[in-house]
């Protein structure tokens, strides 16, 4: 066979982030063969397209049956187990996990790492083949040390071993930050590696319990739900399960709670502190059936009191981590339908969000606080990141945008808001500039016990200017929020 010529320029690596939908990746059309195609003809087809693999598809239904890669075929030939004239169905790998084309790069990355897969089949809504994605398509932006770290996480067989890898993730992120990695990519990889740690912890703990045989899913909220974790983060999680009645829900909850509490303890041992507000799956309040979650969300929406609005800022940023994701998809669809067009609730959320203004004074300098413990500081999280997060959440809920990531929410609502592409790009850049300063401050900040508090006087002149401009973008976003809901 000739040496692979690689992809044509049209499919050269494009900027991709972990929130990108897989269907939007610049993928070459897949090599498709039917089960009766000979191994020889399949390899010829793969070679002629300079591809890595072919998908074996049922001719009648167009449903993918398996995959055969050059690597696997070569191994079979060397081992003398391959009849080149025989059908490719005899050498294909079947029963592979698939993902819908609407899934994200983050979901594909975690799945492929966990399963040790080199190729992943993507399907359309009807189960038919959409395309195939390879490790190269997903990991072009990753360094070898991140892949090695992911493999080390998945090789752990105890919580003690896993806690060592958590420290390694922090070191990896700190090193990449010093080397100049951008905040967007770095936060995404922190989220991906933290997901692997949490998944591994759940796997290790689950084997110690006999869980109810019902559909269930582990949920994550807050910054983890938005894929925006930094180096300092605690737990915000819950469980959703299927139950036919309130009585059954109570019985199932009693069975899930010991397991959930053990997972919370394991994550704490791995460096993810227990939530001071008890927003954890081991708390009966957040271990609920699907109907109970709907009732809980519905109560907050119907009566938007201060506590309900505070809960909305945490719990409305949720995504599935482990288990039956369709439960979470149903909950999210229900929530979007319930909130969309509910002006009273959205107005209350907007009023709550606008209580915190950017820390800028009228003479175009910073407005500082922090008291005697942290003098002349501002809170990069509460007075910076939160301004973007809260506004993007409200707009996403108002217009039915399903994404939970802040920048993806802004991009998703841009057409409905009539905002120029350049304006959203400036807001996204501002958001990530503040995240970069947060990460730097967490690595080498003046106040280790207050990782998000920064004295801007200690910043380089350029970083001071960038922070001011970023906060002005937050003010612009808040002005739009005020115009839409409070005027």
Protein backbone atom coordinates (compact mmCIF):
# COMPACT_ATOMS: atom_id res chain seq x y z
CA UNK A 1 0.00 0.00 0.00
CA UNK A 2 1.11 3.56 -0.65
CA UNK A 3 2.03 5.79 2.23
CA UNK A 4 -0.91 7.75 3.57
CA UNK A 5 -1.12 11.20 2.04
CA UNK A 6 -3.13 12.58 4.94
CA UNK A 7 -6.29 14.62 4.64
CA UNK A 8 -6.80 17.18 1.91
CA UNK A 9 -6.52 20.83 2.86
CA UNK A 10 -10.30 21.14 3.13
CA UNK A 11 -10.15 18.86 6.14
CA UNK A 12 -7.06 20.33 7.80
CA UNK A 13 -7.31 20.69 11.54
CA UNK A 14 -9.63 23.57 12.43
CA UNK A 15 -9.98 25.29 15.80
CA UNK A 16 -12.09 22.96 17.94
CA UNK A 17 -13.16 23.15 21.55
CA UNK A 18 -14.66 20.52 23.80
CA UNK A 19 -18.12 22.06 23.49
CA UNK A 20 -18.18 21.69 19.71
CA UNK A 21 -20.91 19.38 18.42
CA UNK A 22 -19.39 16.37 16.67
CA UNK A 23 -21.50 17.00 13.59
CA UNK A 24 -19.70 20.35 13.19
CA UNK A 25 -16.20 18.86 13.06
CA UNK A 26 -14.47 19.14 9.67
CA UNK A 27 -14.55 15.39 9.06
CA UNK A 28 -13.89 13.63 5.76
CA UNK A 29 -16.75 11.41 4.51
CA UNK A 30 -16.42 7.91 5.98
CA UNK A 31 -15.27 4.86 4.04
CA UNK A 32 -18.33 2.60 3.98
CA UNK A 33 -18.51 -1.08 2.98
CA UNK A 34 -21.15 -3.79 3.37
CA UNK A 35 -20.49 -6.99 5.36
CA UNK A 36 -19.94 -9.12 2.24
CA UNK A 37 -17.15 -6.94 0.85
CA UNK A 38 -13.85 -8.79 0.83
CA UNK A 39 -11.08 -7.80 3.20
CA UNK A 40 -8.84 -7.04 0.20
CA UNK A 41 -11.38 -4.66 -1.39
CA UNK A 42 -12.01 -3.01 1.96
CA UNK A 43 -8.31 -2.33 2.45
CA UNK A 44 -8.11 -0.96 -1.10
CA UNK A 45 -11.00 1.40 -0.34
CA UNK A 46 -9.34 2.58 2.87
CA UNK A 47 -6.02 3.13 1.10
CA UNK A 48 -7.55 4.97 -1.85
CA UNK A 49 -9.07 7.51 0.52
CA UNK A 50 -5.95 7.82 2.72
CA UNK A 51 -8.19 6.90 5.64
CA UNK A 52 -7.56 4.91 8.82
CA UNK A 53 -10.64 2.71 8.90
CA UNK A 54 -13.84 1.65 7.18
CA UNK A 55 -17.31 1.35 8.69
CA UNK A 56 -19.23 -1.84 7.94
CA UNK A 57 -22.86 -0.88 7.32
CA UNK A 58 -26.00 -2.93 6.73
CA UNK A 59 -27.09 -2.24 3.14
CA UNK A 60 -30.79 -2.30 3.93
CA UNK A 61 -30.99 -0.20 7.08
CA UNK A 62 -27.76 1.86 6.80
CA UNK A 63 -27.14 0.98 10.46
CA UNK A 64 -23.42 0.60 11.35
CA UNK A 65 -22.48 -2.96 12.27
CA UNK A 66 -18.81 -2.55 13.08
CA UNK A 67 -15.50 -1.06 12.04
CA UNK A 68 -12.24 -2.35 10.58
CA UNK A 69 -9.04 -0.34 10.83
CA UNK A 70 -5.79 -0.69 8.93
CA UNK A 71 -4.05 -1.35 12.23
CA UNK A 72 -6.38 -4.22 13.20
CA UNK A 73 -6.36 -5.72 9.70
CA UNK A 74 -2.57 -5.66 9.57
CA UNK A 75 -2.38 -7.42 12.92
CA UNK A 76 -4.75 -10.15 11.65
CA UNK A 77 -2.70 -10.61 8.49
CA UNK A 78 0.56 -10.90 10.45
CA UNK A 79 -1.02 -13.43 12.81
CA UNK A 80 -2.24 -15.48 9.83
CA UNK A 81 -5.86 -15.07 10.94
CA UNK A 82 -7.05 -13.08 7.93
CA UNK A 83 -8.40 -14.40 4.61
CA UNK A 84 -8.03 -11.47 2.22
CA UNK A 85 -10.68 -12.96 -0.06
CA UNK A 86 -13.09 -13.51 2.80
CA UNK A 87 -15.85 -11.11 3.90
CA UNK A 88 -14.81 -8.12 5.98
CA UNK A 89 -17.49 -9.04 8.53
CA UNK A 90 -15.09 -11.79 9.68
CA UNK A 91 -12.42 -9.30 10.82
CA UNK A 92 -14.46 -6.26 11.79
CA UNK A 93 -14.84 -5.14 15.40
CA UNK A 94 -18.53 -5.18 16.25
CA UNK A 95 -20.57 -4.08 19.22
CA UNK A 96 -18.79 -0.73 19.49
CA UNK A 97 -20.12 2.16 21.49
CA UNK A 98 -21.59 4.94 19.38
CA UNK A 99 -22.54 8.55 19.98
CA UNK A 100 -25.16 10.71 18.31
CA UNK A 101 -23.74 13.34 15.99
CA UNK A 102 -25.25 16.01 18.25
CA UNK A 103 -22.96 14.95 21.13
CA UNK A 104 -19.97 17.12 21.97
CA UNK A 105 -16.24 16.69 21.55
CA UNK A 106 -16.04 16.52 25.35
CA UNK A 107 -18.39 13.53 25.48
CA UNK A 108 -16.49 11.77 22.71
CA UNK A 109 -13.12 12.49 24.34
CA UNK A 110 -14.16 11.03 27.69
CA UNK A 111 -15.81 7.97 26.09
CA UNK A 112 -12.82 7.19 23.86
CA UNK A 113 -10.38 7.58 26.73
CA UNK A 114 -12.46 5.33 28.99
CA UNK A 115 -12.95 2.59 26.37
CA UNK A 116 -9.47 2.81 24.85
CA UNK A 117 -11.05 3.43 21.44
CA UNK A 118 -9.20 4.81 18.42
CA UNK A 119 -12.35 5.37 16.35
CA UNK A 120 -15.90 6.25 17.33
CA UNK A 121 -18.97 5.80 15.15
CA UNK A 122 -21.40 8.71 15.02
CA UNK A 123 -25.07 8.15 14.26
CA UNK A 124 -28.01 10.29 13.21
CA UNK A 125 -31.36 10.52 15.03
CA UNK A 126 -32.60 7.42 13.18
CA UNK A 127 -29.57 5.30 14.17
CA UNK A 128 -28.06 5.42 10.69
CA UNK A 129 -24.37 6.10 10.13
CA UNK A 130 -23.46 9.78 10.21
CA UNK A 131 -19.66 9.59 10.23
CA UNK A 132 -16.69 8.23 12.13
CA UNK A 133 -14.35 10.28 14.32
CA UNK A 134 -10.79 9.29 15.24
CA UNK A 135 -8.48 10.18 18.09
CA UNK A 136 -6.59 12.46 15.71
CA UNK A 137 -9.76 14.41 14.98
CA UNK A 138 -10.30 15.05 18.69
CA UNK A 139 -6.87 15.23 20.25
CA UNK A 140 -4.96 17.32 17.75
CA UNK A 141 -4.73 20.10 20.31
CA UNK A 142 -3.64 17.93 23.21
CA UNK A 143 -0.09 17.34 24.34
CA UNK A 144 1.24 13.84 24.86
CA UNK A 145 1.34 14.37 28.62
CA UNK A 146 -2.46 14.86 28.80
CA UNK A 147 -3.04 11.53 27.03
CA UNK A 148 -0.56 9.86 29.34
CA UNK A 149 -2.28 11.40 32.34
CA UNK A 150 -5.70 10.21 31.17
CA UNK A 151 -4.39 6.67 30.77
CA UNK A 152 -2.85 6.80 34.25
CA UNK A 153 -6.21 7.88 35.72
CA UNK A 154 -8.01 5.01 34.03
CA UNK A 155 -5.38 2.52 35.23
CA UNK A 156 -6.03 3.25 38.92
CA UNK A 157 -7.57 0.51 41.02
CA UNK A 158 -8.09 2.34 44.32
CA UNK A 159 -9.19 5.73 45.59
CA UNK A 160 -5.73 6.23 47.10
CA UNK A 161 -4.13 5.76 43.66
CA UNK A 162 -6.73 8.04 42.12
CA UNK A 163 -5.97 10.84 44.58
CA UNK A 164 -2.36 10.81 43.36
CA UNK A 165 -3.58 11.41 39.82
CA UNK A 166 -5.69 14.35 40.98
CA UNK A 167 -2.50 16.02 42.18
CA UNK A 168 -0.94 15.21 38.81
CA UNK A 169 -3.83 16.94 37.02
CA UNK A 170 -3.24 20.11 39.08
CA UNK A 171 0.47 19.98 38.26
CA UNK A 172 -0.29 19.40 34.58
CA UNK A 173 -2.63 22.39 34.46
CA UNK A 174 -0.18 24.63 36.33
CA UNK A 175 2.62 23.65 33.98
CA UNK A 176 0.52 24.26 30.88
CA UNK A 177 -0.53 27.65 32.24
CA UNK A 178 3.10 28.67 32.77
CA UNK A 179 3.90 27.47 29.25
CA UNK A 180 1.26 29.80 27.85
CA UNK A 181 -1.81 27.62 27.21
CA UNK A 182 -4.98 29.64 26.69
CA UNK A 183 -7.65 29.66 29.40
CA UNK A 184 -10.31 28.16 27.11
CA UNK A 185 -8.32 25.07 26.20
CA UNK A 186 -6.90 24.69 29.69
CA UNK A 187 -10.29 24.88 31.45
CA UNK A 188 -11.68 22.35 28.98
CA UNK A 189 -8.88 19.89 29.67
CA UNK A 190 -9.18 20.38 33.41
CA UNK A 191 -12.88 19.54 33.03
CA UNK A 192 -12.16 16.50 30.86
CA UNK A 193 -9.53 15.09 33.21
CA UNK A 194 -11.65 15.84 36.28
CA UNK A 195 -14.52 14.01 34.59
CA UNK A 196 -12.29 10.97 34.14
CA UNK A 197 -11.33 11.10 37.81
CA UNK A 198 -14.99 11.34 38.89
CA UNK A 199 -16.02 8.54 36.52
CA UNK A 200 -13.24 6.32 37.82
CA UNK A 201 -14.22 7.09 41.41
CA UNK A 202 -17.85 6.18 40.72
CA UNK A 203 -16.74 2.97 39.01
CA UNK A 204 -14.56 1.99 41.95
CA UNK A 205 -17.27 2.72 44.52
CA UNK A 206 -20.17 1.24 42.56
CA UNK A 207 -18.64 -2.24 42.75
CA UNK A 208 -19.05 -2.14 46.54
CA UNK A 209 -22.83 -1.68 46.39
CA UNK A 210 -25.83 -3.53 45.02
CA UNK A 211 -27.71 -0.67 43.42
CA UNK A 212 -31.39 -0.77 42.41
CA UNK A 213 -31.97 -2.08 38.92
CA UNK A 214 -33.58 1.11 37.60
CA UNK A 215 -32.36 3.80 35.19
CA UNK A 216 -30.31 6.42 37.05
CA UNK A 217 -27.72 9.08 36.33
CA UNK A 218 -25.11 11.04 38.29
CA UNK A 219 -25.55 14.79 37.67
CA UNK A 220 -23.02 17.58 38.01
CA UNK A 221 -23.93 21.24 38.57
CA UNK A 222 -22.31 24.67 38.67
CA UNK A 223 -18.90 25.19 37.10
CA UNK A 224 -18.52 21.45 36.52
CA UNK A 225 -21.87 21.42 34.74
CA UNK A 226 -20.63 24.28 32.54
CA UNK A 227 -17.21 22.67 31.84
CA UNK A 228 -15.61 25.73 33.41
CA UNK A 229 -13.70 24.27 36.35
CA UNK A 230 -10.46 25.88 37.47
CA UNK A 231 -7.80 24.59 39.85
CA UNK A 232 -9.89 25.29 42.95
CA UNK A 233 -13.28 23.55 42.91
CA UNK A 234 -15.55 21.67 45.26
CA UNK A 235 -18.37 19.21 44.61
CA UNK A 236 -21.80 20.06 43.23
CA UNK A 237 -23.62 16.87 42.24
CA UNK A 238 -26.82 14.89 42.51
CA UNK A 239 -28.62 11.76 41.33
CA UNK A 240 -31.72 11.40 39.16
CA UNK A 241 -33.49 8.06 38.90
CA UNK A 242 -36.69 6.67 37.46
CA UNK A 243 -39.55 5.86 39.84
CA UNK A 244 -43.21 5.08 39.22
CA UNK A 245 -44.54 6.71 42.41
CA UNK A 246 -43.57 8.82 45.39
CA UNK A 247 -43.44 5.69 47.55
CA UNK A 248 -41.10 3.94 45.15
CA UNK A 249 -38.95 7.07 44.94
CA UNK A 250 -38.53 7.09 48.71
CA UNK A 251 -37.55 3.42 48.75
CA UNK A 252 -35.06 3.84 45.89
CA UNK A 253 -33.56 6.93 47.52
CA UNK A 254 -32.76 4.95 50.68
CA UNK A 255 -30.89 2.45 48.52
CA UNK A 256 -28.98 5.05 46.50
CA UNK A 257 -27.90 7.26 49.42
CA UNK A 258 -25.19 5.02 50.97
CA UNK A 259 -23.60 4.66 47.53
CA UNK A 260 -23.85 8.41 46.83
CA UNK A 261 -22.33 9.28 50.20
CA UNK A 262 -19.45 6.88 49.54
CA UNK A 263 -18.82 8.54 46.16
CA UNK A 264 -18.87 11.98 47.79
CA UNK A 265 -16.31 10.76 50.35
CA UNK A 266 -14.16 9.27 47.58
CA UNK A 267 -14.19 12.52 45.60
CA UNK A 268 -13.28 14.41 48.76
CA UNK A 269 -10.31 12.07 49.22
CA UNK A 270 -9.34 12.83 45.63
CA UNK A 271 -9.12 16.56 46.26
CA UNK A 272 -12.67 17.71 45.48
CA UNK A 273 -13.84 19.06 48.86
CA UNK A 274 -17.32 18.35 50.15
CA UNK A 275 -19.70 21.16 49.27
CA UNK A 276 -20.16 23.51 52.22
CA UNK A 277 -23.76 24.01 51.10
CA UNK A 278 -24.38 20.25 51.00
CA UNK A 279 -25.19 20.25 47.28
CA UNK A 280 -24.19 16.62 46.86
CA UNK A 281 -25.81 13.38 45.76
CA UNK A 282 -25.37 11.97 49.28
CA UNK A 283 -27.81 14.56 50.58
CA UNK A 284 -31.40 13.21 50.32
CA UNK A 285 -32.50 16.64 49.08
CA UNK A 286 -30.53 16.15 45.85
CA UNK A 287 -31.03 12.41 45.31
CA UNK A 288 -34.38 12.53 43.52
CA UNK A 289 -36.55 10.79 40.99
CA UNK A 290 -37.09 12.48 37.62
CA UNK A 291 -40.57 13.61 38.69
CA UNK A 292 -39.19 14.96 41.97
CA UNK A 293 -36.53 16.99 40.14
CA UNK A 294 -39.25 18.45 37.92
CA UNK A 295 -41.30 19.34 41.00
CA UNK A 296 -38.25 20.93 42.65
CA UNK A 297 -37.40 23.02 39.59
CA UNK A 298 -41.06 23.83 39.03
CA UNK A 299 -41.40 25.16 42.58
CA UNK A 300 -38.44 27.51 42.12
CA UNK A 301 -39.85 28.79 38.84
CA UNK A 302 -43.36 29.30 40.23
CA UNK A 303 -42.20 31.18 43.34
CA UNK A 304 -38.91 32.97 42.52
CA UNK A 305 -37.95 33.86 46.07
CA UNK A 306 -34.30 34.71 46.91
CA UNK A 307 -33.43 31.12 47.85
CA UNK A 308 -35.04 29.81 44.67
CA UNK A 309 -33.07 32.28 42.55
CA UNK A 310 -29.85 31.29 44.31
CA UNK A 311 -30.59 27.62 43.63
CA UNK A 312 -31.32 28.40 39.98
CA UNK A 313 -27.83 29.86 39.56
CA UNK A 314 -26.35 26.51 40.57
CA UNK A 315 -28.81 23.79 39.59
CA UNK A 316 -29.83 25.13 36.17
CA UNK A 317 -26.26 24.51 34.94
CA UNK A 318 -26.43 20.71 34.91
CA UNK A 319 -25.25 17.88 32.72
CA UNK A 320 -25.02 14.09 32.98
CA UNK A 321 -21.77 12.48 34.03
CA UNK A 322 -22.42 8.77 34.68
CA UNK A 323 -25.40 6.60 33.86
CA UNK A 324 -28.53 6.96 31.76
CA UNK A 325 -28.14 10.30 30.03
CA UNK A 326 -31.66 10.21 28.56
CA UNK A 327 -33.06 11.00 32.01
CA UNK A 328 -31.05 14.22 32.09
CA UNK A 329 -32.00 15.06 28.50
CA UNK A 330 -35.68 14.76 29.41
CA UNK A 331 -35.19 16.94 32.49
CA UNK A 332 -33.33 19.59 30.50
CA UNK A 333 -35.96 19.66 27.74
CA UNK A 334 -38.71 19.95 30.36
CA UNK A 335 -36.88 22.82 32.09
CA UNK A 336 -36.34 24.78 28.88
CA UNK A 337 -40.00 24.46 27.94
CA UNK A 338 -41.09 25.47 31.43
CA UNK A 339 -38.89 28.61 31.61
CA UNK A 340 -39.04 29.79 28.00
CA UNK A 341 -41.37 32.76 27.84
CA UNK A 342 -41.86 32.90 31.65
CA UNK A 343 -41.16 36.62 31.91
CA UNK A 344 -41.87 36.86 35.64
CA UNK A 345 -39.22 34.28 36.51
CA UNK A 346 -36.72 35.62 33.98
CA UNK A 347 -37.25 39.16 35.29
CA UNK A 348 -36.60 37.95 38.84
CA UNK A 349 -33.42 36.19 37.74
CA UNK A 350 -32.28 39.29 35.89
CA UNK A 351 -32.87 41.47 38.94
CA UNK A 352 -30.86 39.05 41.05
CA UNK A 353 -28.02 38.94 38.50
CA UNK A 354 -27.82 42.73 38.28
CA UNK A 355 -27.33 43.14 42.02
CA UNK A 356 -23.62 42.53 41.37
CA UNK A 357 -22.07 45.21 39.18
CA UNK A 358 -18.59 45.14 37.62
CA UNK A 359 -15.98 46.47 40.08
CA UNK A 360 -15.27 49.61 38.04
CA UNK A 361 -15.46 53.13 39.47
CA UNK A 362 -16.82 56.16 37.66
CA UNK A 363 -13.32 57.48 36.97
CA UNK A 364 -12.44 54.34 35.04
CA UNK A 365 -10.41 52.62 37.73
CA UNK A 366 -11.14 49.53 39.82
CA UNK A 367 -13.52 49.60 42.76
CA UNK A 368 -11.70 47.52 45.40
CA UNK A 369 -12.64 45.92 48.70
CA UNK A 370 -11.69 42.77 50.57
CA UNK A 371 -11.56 44.20 54.08
CA UNK A 372 -8.51 43.90 56.36
CA UNK A 373 -7.85 40.27 55.39
CA UNK A 374 -7.61 40.88 51.64
CA UNK A 375 -7.07 44.64 51.24
CA UNK A 376 -7.40 46.39 47.87
CA UNK A 377 -8.67 43.32 46.06
CA UNK A 378 -11.52 42.32 43.80
CA UNK A 379 -13.16 38.89 43.43
CA UNK A 380 -12.42 37.53 39.96
CA UNK A 381 -15.15 34.92 40.35
CA UNK A 382 -18.00 36.76 42.05
CA UNK A 383 -17.33 40.19 40.48
CA UNK A 384 -16.05 38.97 37.13
CA UNK A 385 -16.87 35.50 35.86
CA UNK A 386 -20.27 35.44 37.56
CA UNK A 387 -21.45 38.49 35.56
CA UNK A 388 -21.03 36.62 32.27
CA UNK A 389 -22.33 33.32 33.65
CA UNK A 390 -25.53 34.76 35.12
CA UNK A 391 -26.45 36.81 32.05
CA UNK A 392 -25.72 33.97 29.62
CA UNK A 393 -27.83 31.57 31.70
CA UNK A 394 -30.84 33.88 31.64
CA UNK A 395 -30.65 34.48 27.90
CA UNK A 396 -30.17 30.73 27.24
CA UNK A 397 -33.23 29.84 29.33
CA UNK A 398 -35.26 32.59 27.68
CA UNK A 399 -34.52 31.40 24.16
CA UNK A 400 -34.40 27.64 24.74
CA UNK A 401 -30.66 27.17 24.20
CA UNK A 402 -29.67 23.80 25.65
CA UNK A 403 -25.93 24.40 26.11
CA UNK A 404 -24.69 24.98 29.65
CA UNK A 405 -21.23 26.37 28.84
CA UNK A 406 -21.23 30.16 29.18
CA UNK A 407 -19.55 31.05 25.90
CA UNK A 408 -21.59 28.47 23.98
CA UNK A 409 -24.74 29.97 25.50
CA UNK A 410 -23.73 33.41 24.29
CA UNK A 411 -23.05 32.07 20.82
CA UNK A 412 -26.34 30.19 20.86
CA UNK A 413 -28.47 33.22 21.75
CA UNK A 414 -26.63 35.67 19.49
CA UNK A 415 -29.06 35.40 16.52
CA UNK A 416 -32.13 35.81 18.75
CA UNK A 417 -30.59 38.86 20.44
CA UNK A 418 -29.47 40.36 17.13
CA UNK A 419 -25.92 40.76 18.42
CA UNK A 420 -23.07 41.11 15.91
CA UNK A 421 -20.64 38.20 15.74
CA UNK A 422 -17.82 40.55 16.74
CA UNK A 423 -19.63 41.62 19.90
CA UNK A 424 -20.08 38.04 21.11
CA UNK A 425 -16.46 37.29 20.19
CA UNK A 426 -15.35 40.21 22.37
CA UNK A 427 -17.46 38.96 25.27
CA UNK A 428 -16.06 35.44 24.90
CA UNK A 429 -12.49 36.76 24.81
CA UNK A 430 -13.18 38.87 27.92
CA UNK A 431 -14.63 35.89 29.77
CA UNK A 432 -11.54 33.79 29.04
CA UNK A 433 -9.16 36.61 29.94
CA UNK A 434 -10.69 36.74 33.42
CA UNK A 435 -10.47 32.94 33.61
CA UNK A 436 -6.78 33.19 32.71
CA UNK A 437 -6.19 35.65 35.55
CA UNK A 438 -8.12 33.34 37.92
CA UNK A 439 -5.92 30.41 36.99
CA UNK A 440 -2.73 32.43 37.38
CA UNK A 441 -3.92 33.71 40.73
CA UNK A 442 -4.73 30.19 41.91
CA UNK A 443 -1.22 29.06 41.04
CA UNK A 444 0.74 31.97 42.50
CA UNK A 445 -1.68 34.45 44.03
CA UNK A 446 -1.08 36.71 47.00
CA UNK A 447 -3.84 35.10 49.10
CA UNK A 448 -3.75 31.26 49.00
CA UNK A 449 -6.83 31.09 51.24
CA UNK A 450 -8.81 33.29 48.83
CA UNK A 451 -7.79 31.97 45.44
CA UNK A 452 -10.14 34.25 43.48
CA UNK A 453 -9.19 37.53 45.20
CA UNK A 454 -6.73 39.63 43.22
CA UNK A 455 -4.96 42.92 43.93
CA UNK A 456 -4.95 44.52 40.45
CA UNK A 457 -2.12 46.85 41.51
CA UNK A 458 0.15 43.81 41.28
CA UNK A 459 -0.77 43.11 37.67
CA UNK A 460 1.36 44.03 34.69
CA UNK A 461 0.13 47.27 33.06
CA UNK A 462 -1.19 45.36 30.04
CA UNK A 463 -3.07 42.85 32.20
CA UNK A 464 -4.64 45.73 34.15
CA UNK A 465 -5.91 47.23 30.91
CA UNK A 466 -7.17 43.87 29.67
CA UNK A 467 -9.03 43.26 32.94
CA UNK A 468 -10.68 46.68 32.76
CA UNK A 469 -11.81 46.08 29.18
CA UNK A 470 -13.08 42.61 30.09
CA UNK A 471 -15.16 44.05 32.92
CA UNK A 472 -16.54 46.70 30.57
CA UNK A 473 -17.72 43.90 28.28
CA UNK A 474 -19.48 42.37 31.28
CA UNK A 475 -21.12 45.73 31.90
CA UNK A 476 -22.30 45.84 28.26
CA UNK A 477 -23.85 42.39 28.67
CA UNK A 478 -25.56 43.49 31.87
CA UNK A 479 -26.91 46.58 30.15
CA UNK A 480 -28.55 44.34 27.56
CA UNK A 481 -30.01 42.23 30.36
CA UNK A 482 -31.40 45.32 32.09
CA UNK A 483 -32.85 46.64 28.83
CA UNK A 484 -34.62 43.36 28.04
CA UNK A 485 -36.05 42.56 31.47
CA UNK A 486 -36.07 45.53 33.84
CA UNK A 487 -36.96 48.55 31.66
